[in-house]
Structures are given as structure tokens and as C-alpha cells.
Amino acid sequence: MATADETAQRTADAEEHRKIYQGIMKASAEIGVPFCMGLAMFFTQLVMANGLGVACLSFIVVYVLAWWVAKTFFSH
């Protein structure tokens, strides 16, 4: 049988795990996903032989757009 101290500790641990999980999910949604999408667009432009300038510009545009979408629509 769990004592009151163990129950309080389990509740605190669960809250800490929830905060860590939310931090990881926020970082992946706002940084990781836009970066991967921008990188995919960068290499797509290179493969299509559009040049390095267009590839860099498309990376920046896609990264900013994906970051804005994630920040606006997925953040609570």
C-alpha cells in the first residue's frame, strides 16, 4: 500500500514528465519539422538544377512558413 509521501512523489514525478514531454514536442514542432521541410525543399531545388541561390531562398521561405504555421496553429 502506498503512503501519502509516495503518492505525492508520484504526482510530482508525473507532472515533471508531462512538462518534459511538452517541451520536447514543442521543440520538435517549432524547430525540427520546419528545418526538415526546409532542408527537403533545399535539396529538391538542387536536384531540379535551379541553382544554389534559389535553393537557399526556398529553404528560408519554407522554414519561416512552416515555423509560422506550427507556432500559430499548434501552440496552445
Protein backbone atom coordinates (compact mmCIF):
# COMPACT_ATOMS: atom_id res chain seq x y z
CA MET A 1 0.00 0.00 0.00
CA ALA A 2 1.36 3.41 -0.99
CA THR A 3 1.86 6.00 1.69
CA ALA A 4 0.94 9.66 1.37
CA ASP A 5 4.60 10.58 0.71
CA GLU A 6 4.88 8.07 -2.14
CA THR A 7 1.63 9.32 -3.66
CA ALA A 8 2.82 12.92 -3.52
CA GLN A 9 6.15 11.94 -5.06
CA ARG A 10 4.43 10.03 -7.88
CA THR A 11 2.23 13.04 -8.60
CA ALA A 12 5.27 15.33 -8.72
CA ASP A 13 7.10 12.89 -10.99
CA ALA A 14 4.13 12.67 -13.34
CA GLU A 15 3.93 16.46 -13.55
CA GLU A 16 7.65 16.71 -14.28
CA HIS A 17 7.40 14.06 -17.02
CA ARG A 18 4.46 15.95 -18.56
CA LYS A 19 6.45 19.20 -18.66
CA ILE A 20 9.44 17.45 -20.26
CA TYR A 21 7.20 15.79 -22.85
CA GLN A 22 5.52 19.08 -23.73
CA GLY A 23 8.90 20.78 -24.08
CA ILE A 24 10.18 18.09 -26.44
CA MET A 25 7.02 18.17 -28.53
CA LYS A 26 7.10 21.98 -28.74
CA ALA A 27 10.75 21.98 -29.82
CA SER A 28 10.17 19.33 -32.47
CA ALA A 29 7.07 21.05 -33.84
CA GLU A 30 8.54 24.55 -33.90
CA ILE A 31 12.16 23.79 -34.83
CA GLY A 32 12.63 20.23 -36.07
CA VAL A 33 9.73 19.94 -38.50
CA PRO A 34 10.29 23.32 -40.21
CA PHE A 35 14.02 22.58 -40.51
CA CYS A 36 13.40 19.18 -42.11
CA MET A 37 10.85 20.65 -44.53
CA GLY A 38 13.21 23.47 -45.46
CA LEU A 39 16.08 21.04 -45.95
CA ALA A 40 13.92 18.84 -48.17
CA MET A 41 13.00 21.86 -50.28
CA PHE A 42 16.65 22.93 -50.46
CA PHE A 43 17.75 19.58 -51.87
CA THR A 44 14.72 19.40 -54.15
CA GLN A 45 15.73 22.72 -55.72
CA LEU A 46 19.31 21.49 -56.12
CA VAL A 47 18.16 18.28 -57.81
CA MET A 48 15.95 20.29 -60.14
CA ALA A 49 19.09 22.28 -61.11
CA ASN A 50 17.64 25.64 -60.07
CA GLY A 51 20.90 26.82 -58.55
CA LEU A 52 22.24 27.41 -55.08
CA GLY A 53 20.63 30.83 -54.68
CA VAL A 54 17.13 29.54 -55.37
CA ALA A 55 17.78 26.54 -53.12
CA CYS A 56 18.85 28.78 -50.22
CA LEU A 57 15.92 31.12 -50.76
CA SER A 58 13.45 28.24 -50.86
CA PHE A 59 14.95 26.81 -47.64
CA ILE A 60 14.43 30.12 -45.86
CA VAL A 61 10.90 30.66 -47.20
CA VAL A 62 9.76 27.12 -46.36
CA TYR A 63 11.39 27.22 -42.92
CA VAL A 64 9.73 30.52 -41.99
CA LEU A 65 6.35 29.45 -43.35
CA ALA A 66 6.43 26.07 -41.58
CA TRP A 67 7.64 27.70 -38.35
CA TRP A 68 4.80 30.24 -38.53
CA VAL A 69 2.20 27.53 -39.15
CA ALA A 70 3.49 25.41 -36.27
CA LYS A 71 3.72 28.40 -33.94
CA THR A 72 0.27 29.73 -34.88
CA PHE A 73 -1.83 26.61 -35.16
CA PHE A 74 -0.18 24.01 -32.93
CA SER A 75 0.79 26.08 -29.90
CA HIS A 76 -1.65 26.34 -27.03
